[in-house]
Amino acid sequence: MHKVVTEWKGNMAFESNLPDGIIKIDVPESQGGDGNGMRPKALMLSSLAGCSGLDVASLMKKMRLKVDGFRIETEGLLTDDDAAVYHSVTIRYVFSGKELEKEKLEKAVNLSVEKYCGVMKMFEKFAEVKIETAFHKI
């Protein structure tokens, strides 16, 4: 079980106390906030990237892969409803290095997507999830 306590800090600001830290949540001034925190929907995309990224990093370590750089670009398209939700999400895994083993890196991504990442499984229940990989030799 996970437990997060989120407390209102005035105006449109909240603070979430997580087991390992605090996250400030707010909206921009154009939406009545002060812009001093994370946006909830962007945090969802960050959680998705973080969950899968941890899987991939662990697998890269186990496979003894040499990767100099690794980032995840996550984009979500929202519905036009008042309670807008993500209907489509694209996750792009970008690897850079001198000796990239593409097949093994793609296997690590696929294992995360298909087997290990629980946040991915949650997203798949409400959005079309597209996976892309890119490799940059340096």
C-alpha atoms as a PDB file:
ATOM      1  CA  MET A   1       0.000   0.000   0.000  1.00  0.00           C
ATOM      2  CA  HIS A   2       1.118   3.540  -0.722  1.00  0.00           C
ATOM      3  CA  LYS A   3      -0.133   6.545   1.192  1.00  0.00           C
ATOM      4  CA  VAL A   4       0.274  10.160   0.131  1.00  0.00           C
ATOM      5  CA  VAL A   5      -1.082  13.059   2.179  1.00  0.00           C
ATOM      6  CA  THR A   6      -1.864  16.204   0.195  1.00  0.00           C
ATOM      7  CA  GLU A   7      -2.513  19.454   2.055  1.00  0.00           C
ATOM      8  CA  TRP A   8      -3.945  22.707   0.762  1.00  0.00           C
ATOM      9  CA  LYS A   9      -1.479  25.583   1.162  1.00  0.00           C
ATOM     10  CA  GLY A  10      -3.791  28.441   0.159  1.00  0.00           C
ATOM     11  CA  ASN A  11      -5.020  29.793  -3.142  1.00  0.00           C
ATOM     12  CA  MET A  12      -4.513  26.945  -5.660  1.00  0.00           C
ATOM     13  CA  ALA A  13      -1.401  25.443  -4.060  1.00  0.00           C
ATOM     14  CA  PHE A  14      -1.072  21.998  -2.495  1.00  0.00           C
ATOM     15  CA  GLU A  15       1.778  20.019  -1.027  1.00  0.00           C
ATOM     16  CA  SER A  16       1.953  16.235  -1.300  1.00  0.00           C
ATOM     17  CA  ASN A  17       3.972  14.382   1.294  1.00  0.00           C
ATOM     18  CA  LEU A  18       5.338  11.221  -0.269  1.00  0.00           C
ATOM     19  CA  PRO A  19       7.397   8.563   1.482  1.00  0.00           C
ATOM     20  CA  ASP A  20      10.639  10.065   0.131  1.00  0.00           C
ATOM     21  CA  GLY A  21       9.928  13.762  -0.251  1.00  0.00           C
ATOM     22  CA  ILE A  22       7.522  16.589  -0.889  1.00  0.00           C
ATOM     23  CA  ILE A  23       5.985  17.725  -4.167  1.00  0.00           C
ATOM     24  CA  LYS A  24       4.433  21.160  -4.588  1.00  0.00           C
ATOM     25  CA  ILE A  25       1.398  21.303  -6.843  1.00  0.00           C
ATOM     26  CA  ASP A  26      -0.002  24.509  -8.347  1.00  0.00           C
ATOM     27  CA  VAL A  27      -1.414  25.933 -11.546  1.00  0.00           C
ATOM     28  CA  PRO A  28      -0.196  28.916 -13.588  1.00  0.00           C
ATOM     29  CA  GLU A  29      -1.399  32.458 -12.910  1.00  0.00           C
ATOM     30  CA  SER A  30      -3.605  32.232 -16.015  1.00  0.00           C
ATOM     31  CA  GLN A  31      -5.594  29.545 -14.158  1.00  0.00           C
ATOM     32  CA  GLY A  32      -5.728  31.383 -10.831  1.00  0.00           C
ATOM     33  CA  GLY A  33      -2.607  29.951  -9.215  1.00  0.00           C
ATOM     34  CA  ASP A  34       0.838  31.311  -8.501  1.00  0.00           C
ATOM     35  CA  GLY A  35       2.755  28.906 -10.742  1.00  0.00           C
ATOM     36  CA  ASN A  36       4.858  27.631  -7.844  1.00  0.00           C
ATOM     37  CA  GLY A  37       4.454  23.925  -8.330  1.00  0.00           C
ATOM     38  CA  MET A  38       4.004  20.991 -10.612  1.00  0.00           C
ATOM     39  CA  ARG A  39       0.909  20.480 -12.742  1.00  0.00           C
ATOM     40  CA  PRO A  40      -1.011  17.289 -11.850  1.00  0.00           C
ATOM     41  CA  LYS A  41      -1.333  15.946 -15.393  1.00  0.00           C
ATOM     42  CA  ALA A  42       2.344  16.587 -16.150  1.00  0.00           C
ATOM     43  CA  LEU A  43       3.163  14.676 -12.955  1.00  0.00           C
ATOM     44  CA  MET A  44       1.281  11.718 -14.395  1.00  0.00           C
ATOM     45  CA  LEU A  45       3.527  11.755 -17.474  1.00  0.00           C
ATOM     46  CA  SER A  46       6.574  12.092 -15.231  1.00  0.00           C
ATOM     47  CA  SER A  47       5.438   9.097 -13.171  1.00  0.00           C
ATOM     48  CA  LEU A  48       5.037   7.064 -16.346  1.00  0.00           C
ATOM     49  CA  ALA A  49       8.516   7.981 -17.576  1.00  0.00           C
ATOM     50  CA  GLY A  50      10.044   7.454 -14.146  1.00  0.00           C
ATOM     51  CA  CYS A  51       8.487   4.028 -13.672  1.00  0.00           C
ATOM     52  CA  SER A  52       9.588   2.769 -17.060  1.00  0.00           C
ATOM     53  CA  GLY A  53      12.945   4.527 -16.834  1.00  0.00           C
ATOM     54  CA  LEU A  54      13.752   2.736 -13.580  1.00  0.00           C
ATOM     55  CA  ASP A  55      12.966  -0.577 -15.248  1.00  0.00           C
ATOM     56  CA  VAL A  56      15.124   0.186 -18.271  1.00  0.00           C
ATOM     57  CA  ALA A  57      18.031   1.465 -16.149  1.00  0.00           C
ATOM     58  CA  SER A  58      17.910  -1.687 -14.029  1.00  0.00           C
ATOM     59  CA  LEU A  59      17.862  -3.890 -17.123  1.00  0.00           C
ATOM     60  CA  MET A  60      20.727  -1.939 -18.731  1.00  0.00           C
ATOM     61  CA  LYS A  61      22.745  -2.603 -15.581  1.00  0.00           C
ATOM     62  CA  LYS A  62      21.885  -6.320 -15.547  1.00  0.00           C
ATOM     63  CA  MET A  63      22.717  -6.629 -19.256  1.00  0.00           C
ATOM     64  CA  ARG A  64      25.958  -4.661 -18.715  1.00  0.00           C
ATOM     65  CA  LEU A  65      25.098  -2.268 -21.520  1.00  0.00           C
ATOM     66  CA  LYS A  66      27.279   0.762 -22.183  1.00  0.00           C
ATOM     67  CA  VAL A  67      25.029   3.806 -22.458  1.00  0.00           C
ATOM     68  CA  ASP A  68      26.360   7.349 -22.077  1.00  0.00           C
ATOM     69  CA  GLY A  69      22.993   9.103 -22.098  1.00  0.00           C
ATOM     70  CA  PHE A  70      19.378   8.064 -21.659  1.00  0.00           C
ATOM     71  CA  ARG A  71      16.269  10.231 -21.586  1.00  0.00           C
ATOM     72  CA  ILE A  72      12.570   9.689 -21.971  1.00  0.00           C
ATOM     73  CA  GLU A  73      10.361  12.179 -23.793  1.00  0.00           C
ATOM     74  CA  THR A  74       6.696  11.754 -22.902  1.00  0.00           C
ATOM     75  CA  GLU A  75       3.846  13.592 -24.624  1.00  0.00           C
ATOM     76  CA  GLY A  76       0.167  13.295 -23.829  1.00  0.00           C
ATOM     77  CA  LEU A  77      -2.763  14.490 -25.915  1.00  0.00           C
ATOM     78  CA  LEU A  78      -5.809  15.576 -23.922  1.00  0.00           C
ATOM     79  CA  THR A  79      -9.487  15.346 -24.760  1.00  0.00           C
ATOM     80  CA  ASP A  80     -11.460  18.590 -25.158  1.00  0.00           C
ATOM     81  CA  ASP A  81     -13.771  17.779 -22.230  1.00  0.00           C
ATOM     82  CA  ASP A  82     -14.010  19.969 -19.132  1.00  0.00           C
ATOM     83  CA  ALA A  83     -12.357  17.117 -17.220  1.00  0.00           C
ATOM     84  CA  ALA A  84      -9.703  16.624 -19.906  1.00  0.00           C
ATOM     85  CA  VAL A  85      -7.967  13.249 -19.841  1.00  0.00           C
ATOM     86  CA  TYR A  86      -5.099  11.810 -21.845  1.00  0.00           C
ATOM     87  CA  HIS A  87      -6.417   9.858 -24.805  1.00  0.00           C
ATOM     88  CA  SER A  88      -3.050   9.304 -26.472  1.00  0.00           C
ATOM     89  CA  VAL A  89       0.458   9.165 -25.022  1.00  0.00           C
ATOM     90  CA  THR A  90       3.759   8.833 -26.872  1.00  0.00           C
ATOM     91  CA  ILE A  91       6.846   7.689 -24.982  1.00  0.00           C
ATOM     92  CA  ARG A  92      10.166   8.124 -26.745  1.00  0.00           C
ATOM     93  CA  TYR A  93      13.238   6.435 -25.263  1.00  0.00           C
ATOM     94  CA  VAL A  94      16.417   8.159 -26.457  1.00  0.00           C
ATOM     95  CA  PHE A  95      19.781   6.467 -25.956  1.00  0.00           C
ATOM     96  CA  SER A  96      23.190   7.904 -26.768  1.00  0.00           C
ATOM     97  CA  GLY A  97      26.614   6.358 -26.655  1.00  0.00           C
ATOM     98  CA  LYS A  98      29.615   5.013 -28.523  1.00  0.00           C
ATOM     99  CA  GLU A  99      28.753   1.315 -28.329  1.00  0.00           C
ATOM    100  CA  LEU A 100      24.962   1.063 -28.241  1.00  0.00           C
ATOM    101  CA  GLU A 101      23.550  -2.433 -28.510  1.00  0.00           C
ATOM    102  CA  LYS A 102      20.236  -1.531 -30.107  1.00  0.00           C
ATOM    103  CA  GLU A 103      18.603  -4.966 -29.925  1.00  0.00           C
ATOM    104  CA  LYS A 104      19.327  -5.327 -26.214  1.00  0.00           C
ATOM    105  CA  LEU A 105      18.163  -1.784 -25.468  1.00  0.00           C
ATOM    106  CA  GLU A 106      14.940  -2.395 -27.368  1.00  0.00           C
ATOM    107  CA  LYS A 107      14.492  -5.611 -25.389  1.00  0.00           C
ATOM    108  CA  ALA A 108      14.900  -3.651 -22.137  1.00  0.00           C
ATOM    109  CA  VAL A 109      12.279  -1.120 -23.276  1.00  0.00           C
ATOM    110  CA  ASN A 110       9.893  -3.882 -24.347  1.00  0.00           C
ATOM    111  CA  LEU A 111      10.255  -5.709 -21.024  1.00  0.00           C
ATOM    112  CA  SER A 112       9.394  -2.530 -19.167  1.00  0.00           C
ATOM    113  CA  VAL A 113       6.435  -1.744 -21.408  1.00  0.00           C
ATOM    114  CA  GLU A 114       5.016  -5.261 -21.590  1.00  0.00           C
ATOM    115  CA  LYS A 115       5.902  -6.743 -18.213  1.00  0.00           C
ATOM    116  CA  TYR A 116       7.317  -4.573 -15.441  1.00  0.00           C
ATOM    117  CA  CYS A 117       5.963  -1.005 -15.422  1.00  0.00           C
ATOM    118  CA  GLY A 118       2.746  -0.829 -13.415  1.00  0.00           C
ATOM    119  CA  VAL A 119       2.184   2.818 -14.301  1.00  0.00           C
ATOM    120  CA  MET A 120       2.318   1.815 -17.974  1.00  0.00           C
ATOM    121  CA  LYS A 121      -0.382  -0.784 -17.349  1.00  0.00           C
ATOM    122  CA  MET A 122      -2.561   1.878 -15.699  1.00  0.00           C
ATOM    123  CA  PHE A 123      -2.119   4.278 -18.639  1.00  0.00           C
ATOM    124  CA  GLU A 124      -3.020   1.537 -21.112  1.00  0.00           C
ATOM    125  CA  LYS A 125      -6.462   1.314 -19.473  1.00  0.00           C
ATOM    126  CA  PHE A 126      -7.430   4.846 -20.535  1.00  0.00           C
ATOM    127  CA  ALA A 127      -5.072   5.947 -23.333  1.00  0.00           C
ATOM    128  CA  GLU A 128      -3.495   4.684 -26.515  1.00  0.00           C
ATOM    129  CA  VAL A 129       0.204   4.346 -25.667  1.00  0.00           C
ATOM    130  CA  LYS A 130       2.766   4.601 -28.469  1.00  0.00           C
ATOM    131  CA  ILE A 131       6.385   3.577 -27.937  1.00  0.00           C
ATOM    132  CA  GLU A 132       9.351   4.920 -29.909  1.00  0.00           C
ATOM    133  CA  THR A 133      13.097   4.396 -29.518  1.00  0.00           C
ATOM    134  CA  ALA A 134      15.938   6.507 -30.879  1.00  0.00           C
ATOM    135  CA  PHE A 135      19.670   5.919 -30.858  1.00  0.00           C
ATOM    136  CA  HIS A 136      22.392   8.561 -31.180  1.00  0.00           C
ATOM    137  CA  LYS A 137      25.970   7.474 -31.673  1.00  0.00           C
ATOM    138  CA  ILE A 138      28.540   9.838 -30.184  1.00  0.00           C
END
